[in-house]
């Protein structure tokens, strides 16, 4: 059964951000923790640091949510990466992207105007499809920014091993 969800997690970015990574909509675990990719089985916080040959201290410690969020924000900003989601609201069943209905996109204007973002990547096919449907025409025209698609780090995407995900996400390093 779908529930109406409003995105309440602020984007992570600053004026030096050069890459924008976009998910679809935070999972229930992420909404509860008030931060991105907080489901314990999601591999995002293992894959992205591996791309930069780093390890996060609090990556697997559920007891230190605030420290984990601060560490992750610092990691993103240190690497000039902005992080948000394509949608500001939708009807969704749990974390199932395939159940999304009544999708409303976030407004990316401020981030794109006030940063150095020149590459956008969606972290999964649904986020990419929603970006193309709801956002690409506006932001490609205004900012000349195109969007690429990376594989999802969700545990539902078991076809992709952690090693393959790191290999695919290495494209980010070439964008600087």
Protein backbone atom coordinates (compact mmCIF):
# COMPACT_ATOMS: atom_id res chain seq x y z
CA UNK A 1 0.00 0.00 0.00
CA UNK A 2 1.42 3.36 -1.02
CA UNK A 3 1.86 6.21 1.44
CA UNK A 4 2.37 9.86 0.60
CA UNK A 5 5.94 10.85 1.44
CA UNK A 6 7.46 14.32 1.52
CA UNK A 7 11.24 14.56 1.26
CA UNK A 8 12.51 16.30 4.38
CA UNK A 9 16.27 15.66 4.18
CA UNK A 10 18.28 18.70 3.13
CA UNK A 11 20.71 18.26 0.27
CA UNK A 12 24.42 18.05 1.02
CA UNK A 13 26.37 20.53 -1.10
CA UNK A 14 28.46 23.69 -1.03
CA UNK A 15 29.75 26.23 -3.51
CA UNK A 16 32.67 23.93 -4.45
CA UNK A 17 30.48 20.93 -5.34
CA UNK A 18 31.22 19.66 -8.84
CA UNK A 19 29.23 16.44 -9.06
CA UNK A 20 25.61 15.92 -8.05
CA UNK A 21 24.54 12.38 -7.12
CA UNK A 22 20.79 11.79 -7.05
CA UNK A 23 18.79 8.95 -5.62
CA UNK A 24 15.06 8.60 -6.10
CA UNK A 25 13.47 9.13 -2.65
CA UNK A 26 14.86 8.26 0.79
CA UNK A 27 13.97 4.79 2.07
CA UNK A 28 12.04 4.42 5.33
CA UNK A 29 15.36 3.75 7.12
CA UNK A 30 16.86 6.93 5.64
CA UNK A 31 13.78 8.99 6.51
CA UNK A 32 13.94 7.70 10.09
CA UNK A 33 17.66 8.57 10.39
CA UNK A 34 17.19 11.85 8.47
CA UNK A 35 20.07 11.11 6.11
CA UNK A 36 20.74 9.43 2.78
CA UNK A 37 21.37 5.71 2.19
CA UNK A 38 20.94 4.68 5.81
CA UNK A 39 19.48 1.21 5.22
CA UNK A 40 22.14 -1.07 6.74
CA UNK A 41 22.24 -3.27 3.63
CA UNK A 42 22.64 -0.40 1.15
CA UNK A 43 26.18 -0.35 -0.21
CA UNK A 44 26.41 3.36 -1.07
CA UNK A 45 28.58 4.25 1.95
CA UNK A 46 30.94 1.38 1.19
CA UNK A 47 31.15 1.94 -2.57
CA UNK A 48 31.68 5.70 -2.71
CA UNK A 49 34.53 5.79 -0.15
CA UNK A 50 36.16 2.83 -1.94
CA UNK A 51 36.20 4.89 -5.14
CA UNK A 52 38.37 7.42 -3.31
CA UNK A 53 40.35 4.68 -1.50
CA UNK A 54 38.99 5.67 1.90
CA UNK A 55 37.08 3.98 4.71
CA UNK A 56 34.54 5.70 6.88
CA UNK A 57 34.99 5.12 10.61
CA UNK A 58 31.30 5.16 11.51
CA UNK A 59 30.01 3.53 8.32
CA UNK A 60 28.71 0.40 10.06
CA UNK A 61 27.94 1.76 13.52
CA UNK A 62 24.21 2.22 14.10
CA UNK A 63 24.91 3.59 17.59
CA UNK A 64 26.64 6.70 16.25
CA UNK A 65 24.11 8.08 13.76
CA UNK A 66 25.08 11.72 14.30
CA UNK A 67 28.80 10.98 13.95
CA UNK A 68 28.12 8.86 10.87
CA UNK A 69 26.11 11.66 9.25
CA UNK A 70 28.80 14.25 10.02
CA UNK A 71 31.52 11.96 8.71
CA UNK A 72 29.57 11.28 5.52
CA UNK A 73 28.81 14.98 4.94
CA UNK A 74 32.48 15.82 5.44
CA UNK A 75 33.49 13.05 3.03
CA UNK A 76 31.12 14.32 0.34
CA UNK A 77 32.16 17.96 0.66
CA UNK A 78 35.86 17.07 0.78
CA UNK A 79 35.40 15.34 -2.57
CA UNK A 80 33.20 18.12 -4.03
CA UNK A 81 30.18 15.85 -4.25
CA UNK A 82 26.62 17.06 -3.73
CA UNK A 83 23.96 14.53 -2.71
CA UNK A 84 20.20 14.72 -2.91
CA UNK A 85 17.23 12.97 -4.52
CA UNK A 86 15.24 13.54 -7.68
CA UNK A 87 11.88 13.67 -5.89
CA UNK A 88 10.50 16.09 -3.31
CA UNK A 89 7.36 14.01 -2.81
CA UNK A 90 5.57 10.94 -4.11
CA UNK A 91 3.32 8.07 -3.16
CA UNK A 92 5.46 5.01 -2.46
CA UNK A 93 5.21 1.60 -0.83
CA UNK A 94 8.15 1.19 1.57
CA UNK A 95 11.36 1.61 -0.40
CA UNK A 96 10.01 0.17 -3.66
CA UNK A 97 10.92 2.55 -6.49
CA UNK A 98 8.64 0.59 -8.82
CA UNK A 99 5.63 1.59 -6.68
CA UNK A 100 6.20 5.35 -7.07
CA UNK A 101 3.17 7.35 -8.18
CA UNK A 102 2.39 11.09 -8.24
CA UNK A 103 6.08 12.04 -8.37
CA UNK A 104 7.02 15.69 -7.82
CA UNK A 105 10.65 16.70 -8.49
CA UNK A 106 12.95 18.71 -6.25
CA UNK A 107 14.03 22.15 -7.44
CA UNK A 108 17.74 22.03 -8.29
CA UNK A 109 18.06 25.64 -9.40
CA UNK A 110 19.80 26.99 -6.30
CA UNK A 111 22.32 24.15 -6.13
CA UNK A 112 23.17 24.45 -9.82
CA UNK A 113 23.37 28.26 -9.73
CA UNK A 114 25.50 28.48 -6.59
CA UNK A 115 27.93 25.61 -7.11
CA UNK A 116 30.38 24.37 -9.73
CA UNK A 117 28.36 21.27 -10.60
CA UNK A 118 29.05 20.10 -14.13
CA UNK A 119 28.04 16.43 -13.88
CA UNK A 120 24.87 14.82 -12.56
CA UNK A 121 24.55 11.10 -11.94
CA UNK A 122 21.49 9.19 -10.80
CA UNK A 123 22.07 6.18 -8.57
CA UNK A 124 19.70 3.77 -10.26
CA UNK A 125 17.45 3.36 -13.26
CA UNK A 126 14.30 4.72 -11.61
CA UNK A 127 16.01 7.90 -10.45
CA UNK A 128 17.43 8.31 -13.96
CA UNK A 129 14.03 7.74 -15.61
CA UNK A 130 12.38 10.25 -13.27
CA UNK A 131 15.15 12.80 -13.89
CA UNK A 132 14.66 12.41 -17.64
CA UNK A 133 10.89 12.67 -17.34
CA UNK A 134 10.64 15.52 -14.82
CA UNK A 135 13.91 17.46 -14.80
CA UNK A 136 16.24 17.04 -17.75
CA UNK A 137 14.57 19.44 -20.18
CA UNK A 138 14.61 22.29 -17.66
CA UNK A 139 18.12 21.83 -16.26
CA UNK A 140 19.82 20.85 -19.50
CA UNK A 141 18.42 23.99 -21.11
CA UNK A 142 19.22 26.32 -18.18
CA UNK A 143 22.60 24.90 -17.18
CA UNK A 144 23.76 22.69 -20.04
CA UNK A 145 24.04 19.76 -17.65
CA UNK A 146 23.37 16.22 -18.77
CA UNK A 147 22.76 13.29 -16.48
CA UNK A 148 24.30 9.83 -16.41
CA UNK A 149 23.03 6.66 -14.76
CA UNK A 150 24.99 4.62 -12.23
CA UNK A 151 23.81 1.25 -10.94
CA UNK A 152 21.80 1.21 -7.74
CA UNK A 153 23.63 0.34 -4.52
CA UNK A 154 20.39 -1.03 -3.05
CA UNK A 155 20.43 -4.57 -1.69
CA UNK A 156 17.63 -5.25 -4.20
CA UNK A 157 20.27 -4.87 -6.94
CA UNK A 158 22.08 -8.08 -5.96
CA UNK A 159 23.23 -8.65 -9.56
CA UNK A 160 25.91 -6.03 -8.95
CA UNK A 161 28.69 -7.07 -6.56
CA UNK A 162 30.40 -4.44 -4.44
CA UNK A 163 33.49 -4.72 -6.66
CA UNK A 164 31.46 -4.09 -9.83
CA UNK A 165 29.73 -1.14 -8.19
CA UNK A 166 33.06 0.43 -7.24
CA UNK A 167 34.26 -0.08 -10.80
CA UNK A 168 31.12 1.60 -12.21
CA UNK A 169 31.28 4.49 -9.72
CA UNK A 170 34.91 5.16 -10.63
CA UNK A 171 33.54 7.33 -13.43
CA UNK A 172 33.06 9.98 -10.76
CA UNK A 173 36.82 10.35 -10.29
CA UNK A 174 37.22 11.16 -13.97
CA UNK A 175 34.81 14.11 -13.70
CA UNK A 176 37.16 16.41 -11.84
